[in-house]
């Protein structure tokens, strides 16, 4: 191979890709090359580049650098589209998995050139990227839509699962399967004239255009399997990172966590009330601890990096994962759901203390020993209630607790 000459000319020699640009963007590209005193990096041999992971050279980027770039750096884009383009366009491509290799070259001026190699897909056709974490793992969905040709391609975890070419109608929907449980995904395409709007649905529930957090918690999220404390992520949407339901003695509490992966912002809501807020966190991973319910039960949200810019969020209650906590709670409490005089009631017995809760309130009780065990009496409105505890006859099973309301037995429920 002939030696590559690093001399710099007033009018730099451009690669075919640069020559294919329109006049405005071509001039801007040439100005960048002059400012860094470099030839077109796409004409430089690969041997002049190295992997930044094998030989670290690039400085760490902190939030001050991001702020200076987004706010103070001069841009060719207007204020109106700066946020949509300058801050998110390249990020969306990277998160989508199109960047497969990053190489670095240091020129004679001490300036580092970063060259990214991508998969063979036209970036302008990238329509949407979402991440959905179901019980079998976190799945990344990428949708490519050719506005001129109508082409539609769906990728799940980097694998092409659907492809259509030359669709004559832009609007429509595409349905596919994802995950080991074959959860149904549907991408809805709405033609707005000059642009298209894309919405992802999982099992018929939308992951976009959500009106408020209460709608998230009360509707679609609770229909998904989140028992293992994984959460649903809606990329390119709000900063909502996770929603969990935690059943305690004083009621079922909803915990919502917001995580801004650009600013590091962390916000926790319990039952719709903000209980913790941190802005501009320089470290994206970590944990946040807070209390839930009237008994100030300790809760912790752990933030862990999965890969690249993807994060996994897990909830712990009293130092145990949500799944283990609920399994242990099933052993030390009994719960009954019933309707009295048109009002739904949730009665919880704490077996270790024999405390009884109803709809978040601790109930006054009176206990007594009887021939075959114990009885704990209390009232709900005009109704006489009693929790009977009798021996199961088996050491492993211990006592059996039964709720009687006006003499009628109520079936225990599993939460």
Protein backbone atom coordinates (compact mmCIF):
# COMPACT_ATOMS: atom_id res chain seq x y z
CA UNK A 1 0.00 0.00 0.00
CA UNK A 2 1.32 3.42 -0.94
CA UNK A 3 2.16 5.68 1.99
CA UNK A 4 -0.76 7.94 2.85
CA UNK A 5 0.33 11.56 2.76
CA UNK A 6 -0.95 13.66 5.62
CA UNK A 7 -0.33 17.03 3.99
CA UNK A 8 -3.28 19.38 4.06
CA UNK A 9 -4.47 21.32 1.04
CA UNK A 10 -6.54 24.49 0.84
CA UNK A 11 -9.19 22.53 -1.04
CA UNK A 12 -9.15 19.08 0.59
CA UNK A 13 -9.70 15.95 -1.45
CA UNK A 14 -13.09 14.54 -0.54
CA UNK A 15 -14.41 11.02 -0.40
CA UNK A 16 -17.25 9.88 -2.65
CA UNK A 17 -19.66 10.20 0.27
CA UNK A 18 -18.65 13.82 0.87
CA UNK A 19 -18.83 14.67 -2.83
CA UNK A 20 -22.39 13.34 -2.92
CA UNK A 21 -23.55 15.95 -0.39
CA UNK A 22 -25.51 19.00 -1.49
CA UNK A 23 -23.52 22.23 -1.91
CA UNK A 24 -24.36 23.66 1.54
CA UNK A 25 -23.44 20.54 3.47
CA UNK A 26 -20.38 19.93 1.30
CA UNK A 27 -19.02 23.40 2.12
CA UNK A 28 -19.71 22.85 5.80
CA UNK A 29 -17.82 19.54 5.66
CA UNK A 30 -14.83 21.22 4.01
CA UNK A 31 -14.84 23.94 6.69
CA UNK A 32 -14.68 21.28 9.39
CA UNK A 33 -11.70 19.63 7.71
CA UNK A 34 -9.88 22.98 7.50
CA UNK A 35 -10.62 23.79 11.14
CA UNK A 36 -9.07 20.54 12.36
CA UNK A 37 -6.28 20.55 9.75
CA UNK A 38 -7.12 17.09 8.51
CA UNK A 39 -7.76 15.31 5.24
CA UNK A 40 -11.06 13.54 4.74
CA UNK A 41 -10.97 10.74 7.38
CA UNK A 42 -12.94 8.47 5.05
CA UNK A 43 -9.95 8.44 2.67
CA UNK A 44 -7.50 7.50 5.41
CA UNK A 45 -6.49 3.81 5.70
CA UNK A 46 -7.87 1.85 8.61
CA UNK A 47 -4.34 1.23 9.90
CA UNK A 48 -4.17 4.89 10.95
CA UNK A 49 -7.04 4.40 13.39
CA UNK A 50 -7.16 2.48 16.66
CA UNK A 51 -9.81 1.14 19.02
CA UNK A 52 -10.34 3.66 21.87
CA UNK A 53 -11.13 0.78 24.25
CA UNK A 54 -7.74 -0.87 23.69
CA UNK A 55 -5.87 2.40 24.16
CA UNK A 56 -7.97 4.90 26.12
CA UNK A 57 -7.39 8.43 24.88
CA UNK A 58 -10.68 10.28 24.85
CA UNK A 59 -11.44 12.37 27.92
CA UNK A 60 -14.40 11.54 30.13
CA UNK A 61 -17.50 13.55 29.31
CA UNK A 62 -19.37 15.14 32.19
CA UNK A 63 -22.73 16.87 32.20
CA UNK A 64 -21.09 20.27 31.97
CA UNK A 65 -19.68 19.25 28.58
CA UNK A 66 -23.09 18.06 27.42
CA UNK A 67 -24.67 21.29 28.59
CA UNK A 68 -22.05 23.42 26.83
CA UNK A 69 -22.53 21.47 23.61
CA UNK A 70 -26.31 21.56 23.61
CA UNK A 71 -26.76 25.13 24.82
CA UNK A 72 -23.68 27.23 24.15
CA UNK A 73 -22.15 25.68 21.02
CA UNK A 74 -23.06 27.40 17.78
CA UNK A 75 -25.31 25.26 15.62
CA UNK A 76 -26.55 25.43 12.04
CA UNK A 77 -29.95 24.42 13.32
CA UNK A 78 -32.60 26.73 14.67
CA UNK A 79 -33.61 27.00 18.31
CA UNK A 80 -36.87 25.24 17.50
CA UNK A 81 -35.31 22.09 16.10
CA UNK A 82 -32.08 22.04 18.12
CA UNK A 83 -33.52 19.82 20.85
CA UNK A 84 -35.10 17.38 18.40
CA UNK A 85 -32.13 17.13 16.07
CA UNK A 86 -28.90 18.15 17.69
CA UNK A 87 -29.40 16.40 21.00
CA UNK A 88 -31.24 13.25 19.96
CA UNK A 89 -30.61 12.34 16.34
CA UNK A 90 -27.18 10.74 16.69
CA UNK A 91 -28.14 9.36 20.11
CA UNK A 92 -31.13 7.53 18.61
CA UNK A 93 -28.94 5.95 15.95
CA UNK A 94 -26.43 4.79 18.56
CA UNK A 95 -29.08 3.42 20.94
CA UNK A 96 -30.79 1.66 18.03
CA UNK A 97 -27.64 -0.42 17.56
CA UNK A 98 -26.65 0.85 14.11
CA UNK A 99 -23.15 1.89 15.25
CA UNK A 100 -21.10 -1.29 15.22
CA UNK A 101 -17.53 0.05 15.46
CA UNK A 102 -15.85 3.22 16.72
CA UNK A 103 -12.27 4.09 15.70
CA UNK A 104 -10.02 7.01 16.70
CA UNK A 105 -7.13 8.83 15.00
CA UNK A 106 -4.89 11.53 16.53
CA UNK A 107 -3.59 14.03 13.97
CA UNK A 108 -0.45 16.15 14.13
CA UNK A 109 -2.35 19.00 15.81
CA UNK A 110 -3.31 16.75 18.72
CA UNK A 111 -6.94 16.59 17.59
CA UNK A 112 -8.75 13.29 17.86
CA UNK A 113 -10.92 12.19 14.96
CA UNK A 114 -13.68 9.72 15.86
CA UNK A 115 -14.92 7.53 13.03
CA UNK A 116 -18.05 5.44 13.45
CA UNK A 117 -18.91 2.47 11.27
CA UNK A 118 -22.56 1.62 10.93
CA UNK A 119 -24.79 -1.17 9.72
CA UNK A 120 -26.08 -0.96 6.17
CA UNK A 121 -29.33 0.94 6.61
CA UNK A 122 -30.30 4.44 5.58
CA UNK A 123 -30.47 6.58 8.71
CA UNK A 124 -33.14 8.80 7.23
CA UNK A 125 -35.45 5.77 7.20
CA UNK A 126 -35.09 5.23 10.97
CA UNK A 127 -38.58 5.91 12.30
CA UNK A 128 -38.65 4.71 15.90
CA UNK A 129 -36.73 2.97 18.67
CA UNK A 130 -38.32 1.52 21.78
CA UNK A 131 -37.13 -0.67 24.65
CA UNK A 132 -39.61 -2.99 26.35
CA UNK A 133 -38.61 -5.09 29.36
CA UNK A 134 -40.85 -8.08 29.88
CA UNK A 135 -40.42 -10.94 32.29
CA UNK A 136 -38.08 -12.73 29.89
CA UNK A 137 -35.75 -9.76 29.41
CA UNK A 138 -35.32 -6.32 27.89
CA UNK A 139 -36.18 -6.18 24.18
CA UNK A 140 -35.18 -3.44 21.75
CA UNK A 141 -37.56 -2.70 18.88
CA UNK A 142 -36.38 -0.69 15.88
CA UNK A 143 -38.69 0.40 13.06
CA UNK A 144 -37.42 1.53 9.65
CA UNK A 145 -39.91 3.28 7.37
CA UNK A 146 -39.06 4.51 3.89
CA UNK A 147 -41.24 7.57 3.39
CA UNK A 148 -40.60 7.58 -0.37
CA UNK A 149 -40.93 3.85 -1.02
CA UNK A 150 -43.22 2.84 1.85
CA UNK A 151 -40.64 0.25 2.95
CA UNK A 152 -41.28 -1.16 6.44
CA UNK A 153 -38.76 -3.17 8.46
CA UNK A 154 -39.09 -4.25 12.10
CA UNK A 155 -36.08 -5.40 14.14
CA UNK A 156 -36.37 -7.08 17.54
CA UNK A 157 -33.08 -7.35 19.45
CA UNK A 158 -31.15 -6.73 16.22
CA UNK A 159 -32.96 -9.47 14.29
CA UNK A 160 -35.18 -8.63 11.35
CA UNK A 161 -38.65 -10.04 12.07
CA UNK A 162 -40.70 -8.26 9.42
CA UNK A 163 -39.97 -6.62 6.07
CA UNK A 164 -42.23 -5.11 3.44
CA UNK A 165 -41.08 -3.17 0.36
CA UNK A 166 -42.90 -0.77 -1.94
CA UNK A 167 -45.97 -0.26 0.21
CA UNK A 168 -48.25 2.11 -1.69
CA UNK A 169 -50.09 3.23 1.45
CA UNK A 170 -47.97 5.02 4.06
CA UNK A 171 -50.43 4.69 6.95
CA UNK A 172 -51.29 1.38 8.52
CA UNK A 173 -50.02 -1.04 11.14
CA UNK A 174 -47.58 -3.90 11.46
CA UNK A 175 -47.96 -6.70 14.02
CA UNK A 176 -45.19 -9.01 15.19
CA UNK A 177 -44.18 -11.28 18.08
CA UNK A 178 -41.46 -10.61 20.64
CA UNK A 179 -39.90 -12.46 23.54
CA UNK A 180 -40.17 -16.08 24.62
CA UNK A 181 -43.81 -15.55 25.57
CA UNK A 182 -44.66 -14.27 22.07
CA UNK A 183 -45.96 -10.95 23.36
CA UNK A 184 -47.74 -9.14 20.56
CA UNK A 185 -46.21 -5.91 19.32
CA UNK A 186 -47.96 -3.55 16.93
CA UNK A 187 -46.51 -0.45 15.30
CA UNK A 188 -49.19 1.99 14.14
CA UNK A 189 -48.29 4.42 11.36
CA UNK A 190 -50.32 7.60 11.05
CA UNK A 191 -49.82 9.78 7.95
CA UNK A 192 -49.94 13.47 8.90
CA UNK A 193 -49.25 14.76 5.41
CA UNK A 194 -45.62 15.90 5.49
CA UNK A 195 -44.58 13.45 8.20
CA UNK A 196 -45.63 10.21 9.84
CA UNK A 197 -46.31 9.52 13.50
CA UNK A 198 -45.39 6.16 14.99
CA UNK A 199 -46.89 4.46 18.03
CA UNK A 200 -45.90 1.13 19.56
CA UNK A 201 -48.45 -1.08 21.30
CA UNK A 202 -47.64 -4.11 23.44
CA UNK A 203 -50.54 -6.51 23.89
CA UNK A 204 -52.90 -3.76 22.76
CA UNK A 205 -51.55 -1.11 25.16
CA UNK A 206 -49.84 2.01 23.84
CA UNK A 207 -46.28 2.93 24.82
CA UNK A 208 -46.62 6.45 23.40
CA UNK A 209 -48.87 9.46 23.78
CA UNK A 210 -49.58 8.64 27.42
CA UNK A 211 -51.60 11.43 29.01
CA UNK A 212 -50.29 11.24 32.57
CA UNK A 213 -48.58 8.98 35.06
CA UNK A 214 -51.85 7.99 36.67
CA UNK A 215 -53.03 6.61 33.34
CA UNK A 216 -49.77 4.67 33.04
CA UNK A 217 -50.12 3.13 36.48
CA UNK A 218 -53.85 2.41 36.33
CA UNK A 219 -54.08 1.06 32.80
CA UNK A 220 -51.51 -0.50 30.54
CA UNK A 221 -48.49 -1.14 32.76
CA UNK A 222 -50.43 -3.21 35.24
CA UNK A 223 -51.56 -5.52 32.44
CA UNK A 224 -47.97 -6.57 31.74
CA UNK A 225 -45.96 -9.14 33.66
CA UNK A 226 -43.79 -7.08 36.05
CA UNK A 227 -43.72 -9.52 38.95
CA UNK A 228 -39.96 -9.92 38.69
CA UNK A 229 -39.49 -6.19 39.27
CA UNK A 230 -38.52 -5.47 35.68
CA UNK A 231 -40.15 -2.49 34.08
CA UNK A 232 -41.34 -1.18 30.76
CA UNK A 233 -39.23 1.45 29.05
CA UNK A 234 -40.57 3.74 26.37
CA UNK A 235 -37.56 5.14 24.54
CA UNK A 236 -37.86 8.56 22.86
CA UNK A 237 -40.77 9.33 25.14
CA UNK A 238 -40.88 10.77 28.66
CA UNK A 239 -38.34 9.99 31.37
CA UNK A 240 -40.65 7.44 32.99
CA UNK A 241 -38.41 4.45 33.71
CA UNK A 242 -40.43 2.12 35.93
CA UNK A 243 -43.72 1.54 37.69
CA UNK A 244 -44.31 -1.06 40.39
CA UNK A 245 -47.23 -2.06 42.64
CA UNK A 246 -46.28 -3.08 46.18
CA UNK A 247 -48.84 -4.68 48.47
CA UNK A 248 -48.24 -3.76 52.12
CA UNK A 249 -50.47 -4.14 55.15
CA UNK A 250 -51.76 -0.57 54.86
CA UNK A 251 -52.62 -0.89 51.19
CA UNK A 252 -51.32 -1.38 47.68
CA UNK A 253 -48.85 1.37 46.80
CA UNK A 254 -47.82 2.45 43.32
CA UNK A 255 -44.21 3.55 42.84
CA UNK A 256 -43.17 5.44 39.70
CA UNK A 257 -39.56 6.25 38.87
CA UNK A 258 -38.34 8.84 36.37
CA UNK A 259 -34.76 8.69 35.12
CA UNK A 260 -33.41 11.26 32.70
CA UNK A 261 -30.50 9.50 30.98
CA UNK A 262 -29.33 12.82 29.52
CA UNK A 263 -29.48 14.97 32.64
CA UNK A 264 -29.25 12.22 35.26
CA UNK A 265 -32.49 13.45 36.82
CA UNK A 266 -34.13 11.06 39.28
CA UNK A 267 -37.70 11.51 40.53
CA UNK A 268 -39.72 9.06 42.65
CA UNK A 269 -43.50 9.22 43.11
CA UNK A 270 -45.37 7.11 45.65
CA UNK A 271 -49.13 6.98 45.11
CA UNK A 272 -48.88 10.03 42.85
CA UNK A 273 -46.92 12.12 45.38
CA UNK A 274 -43.33 13.15 44.72
CA UNK A 275 -41.13 11.88 47.54
CA UNK A 276 -37.65 12.31 46.05
CA UNK A 277 -36.06 14.47 43.38
CA UNK A 278 -32.47 14.87 42.25
CA UNK A 279 -31.49 16.97 39.23
CA UNK A 280 -28.30 16.87 37.20
CA UNK A 281 -26.82 13.69 38.61
CA UNK A 282 -23.38 13.14 37.10
CA UNK A 283 -23.53 9.40 37.75
CA UNK A 284 -26.26 7.58 35.84
CA UNK A 285 -26.07 4.33 37.82
CA UNK A 286 -26.60 3.93 41.57
CA UNK A 287 -29.51 3.58 43.96
CA UNK A 288 -32.16 5.68 45.66
CA UNK A 289 -33.74 4.82 49.03
CA UNK A 290 -37.08 6.09 50.34
CA UNK A 291 -40.00 4.96 52.51
CA UNK A 292 -43.44 3.70 51.53
CA UNK A 293 -46.70 3.57 53.45
CA UNK A 294 -47.74 4.43 56.98
CA UNK A 295 -45.22 2.04 58.49
CA UNK A 296 -42.33 3.74 56.63
CA UNK A 297 -41.33 0.55 54.86
CA UNK A 298 -37.86 0.92 53.35
CA UNK A 299 -37.69 0.79 49.55
CA UNK A 300 -34.69 1.05 47.23
CA UNK A 301 -34.54 1.47 43.45
CA UNK A 302 -31.33 0.14 41.90
CA UNK A 303 -30.12 1.56 38.59
CA UNK A 304 -27.76 -0.70 36.65
CA UNK A 305 -26.26 -0.31 33.19
CA UNK A 306 -27.16 -3.20 30.92
CA UNK A 307 -25.32 -2.28 27.73
CA UNK A 308 -24.48 0.97 26.01
CA UNK A 309 -27.12 3.49 26.97
CA UNK A 310 -29.63 0.91 28.25
CA UNK A 311 -30.44 0.66 31.95
CA UNK A 312 -32.25 -1.83 34.15
CA UNK A 313 -34.24 -0.78 37.18
CA UNK A 314 -35.05 -3.08 40.11
CA UNK A 315 -37.04 -2.38 43.25
CA UNK A 316 -36.13 -3.74 46.67
CA UNK A 317 -38.41 -3.73 49.73
CA UNK A 318 -36.75 -4.07 53.14
CA UNK A 319 -33.54 -5.20 51.47
CA UNK A 320 -35.17 -7.94 49.40
CA UNK A 321 -36.01 -7.96 45.70
CA UNK A 322 -39.67 -7.32 45.06
CA UNK A 323 -40.21 -10.93 44.05
CA UNK A 324 -38.56 -12.36 47.19
CA UNK A 325 -40.28 -9.83 49.40
CA UNK A 326 -43.72 -10.80 48.06
CA UNK A 327 -42.91 -14.50 48.46
CA UNK A 328 -41.89 -13.94 52.08
CA UNK A 329 -44.86 -11.69 52.72
CA UNK A 330 -47.23 -14.44 51.60
CA UNK A 331 -45.89 -16.54 54.48
CA UNK A 332 -46.30 -13.94 57.23
CA UNK A 333 -49.58 -12.30 56.20
CA UNK A 334 -53.06 -13.30 55.09
CA UNK A 335 -55.20 -11.11 52.85
CA UNK A 336 -58.91 -11.12 52.09
CA UNK A 337 -60.85 -9.05 49.57
CA UNK A 338 -64.57 -8.54 50.14
CA UNK A 339 -67.40 -6.16 49.40
CA UNK A 340 -69.40 -4.84 52.35
CA UNK A 341 -72.43 -2.63 51.76
CA UNK A 342 -71.19 -1.76 48.28
CA UNK A 343 -67.66 -0.87 49.44
CA UNK A 344 -64.61 -2.91 48.48
CA UNK A 345 -62.47 -3.81 51.48
CA UNK A 346 -59.00 -5.26 51.77
CA UNK A 347 -58.36 -6.98 55.11
CA UNK A 348 -54.78 -7.93 56.01
CA UNK A 349 -53.63 -10.01 58.98
CA UNK A 350 -50.02 -9.76 60.13
CA UNK A 351 -49.49 -13.20 61.59
CA UNK A 352 -46.48 -12.35 63.75
CA UNK A 353 -48.25 -9.51 65.62
CA UNK A 354 -51.91 -10.44 64.93
CA UNK A 355 -52.46 -6.84 63.83
CA UNK A 356 -55.34 -6.37 61.40
CA UNK A 357 -55.54 -3.67 58.72
CA UNK A 358 -58.49 -2.68 56.57
CA UNK A 359 -58.13 -0.29 53.65
CA UNK A 360 -55.00 1.26 55.07
CA UNK A 361 -56.28 1.64 58.64
CA UNK A 362 -55.19 -0.41 61.62
CA UNK A 363 -58.27 -1.95 63.25
CA UNK A 364 -58.93 -2.26 66.99
CA UNK A 365 -59.28 -5.91 67.89
CA UNK A 366 -60.05 -8.13 70.85
CA UNK A 367 -58.43 -11.55 71.09
CA UNK A 368 -59.38 -14.60 73.07
CA UNK A 369 -58.32 -18.21 73.45
CA UNK A 370 -60.87 -20.84 72.48
CA UNK A 371 -60.87 -24.59 72.64
CA UNK A 372 -59.29 -25.21 69.22
CA UNK A 373 -57.11 -22.09 68.91
CA UNK A 374 -57.60 -18.33 69.06
CA UNK A 375 -60.16 -15.82 67.80
CA UNK A 376 -59.51 -12.17 67.02
CA UNK A 377 -62.72 -10.10 66.92
CA UNK A 378 -63.32 -6.71 65.25
CA UNK A 379 -66.03 -4.87 63.40
CA UNK A 380 -66.31 -3.38 59.94
CA UNK A 381 -69.22 -0.97 59.86
CA UNK A 382 -72.21 -2.91 61.14
CA UNK A 383 -70.60 -6.28 60.50
CA UNK A 384 -69.05 -8.56 63.11
CA UNK A 385 -65.79 -10.07 61.97
CA UNK A 386 -63.49 -12.71 63.40
CA UNK A 387 -60.16 -14.22 62.42
CA UNK A 388 -59.86 -17.79 63.67
CA UNK A 389 -56.44 -19.43 64.06
CA UNK A 390 -56.35 -23.20 64.36
CA UNK A 391 -53.55 -25.73 64.07
CA UNK A 392 -53.07 -27.38 60.68
CA UNK A 393 -51.73 -30.50 62.34
CA UNK A 394 -48.57 -30.16 60.26
CA UNK A 395 -45.47 -28.49 61.61
CA UNK A 396 -44.47 -27.07 58.23
CA UNK A 397 -47.88 -25.47 57.58
CA UNK A 398 -48.28 -24.05 61.09
CA UNK A 399 -51.55 -22.28 61.87
CA UNK A 400 -54.47 -21.84 59.50
CA UNK A 401 -56.17 -18.43 59.62
CA UNK A 402 -59.77 -18.00 58.53
CA UNK A 403 -61.83 -14.80 58.25
CA UNK A 404 -65.50 -14.93 59.22
CA UNK A 405 -67.85 -12.03 58.49
CA UNK A 406 -71.24 -12.35 60.18
CA UNK A 407 -70.47 -16.06 60.54
CA UNK A 408 -69.73 -16.59 56.85
CA UNK A 409 -66.24 -17.70 55.80
CA UNK A 410 -64.38 -15.44 53.32
CA UNK A 411 -61.94 -17.01 50.89
CA UNK A 412 -58.33 -15.87 51.26
CA UNK A 413 -56.75 -14.24 48.20
CA UNK A 414 -53.22 -14.31 46.83
CA UNK A 415 -51.55 -11.00 45.94
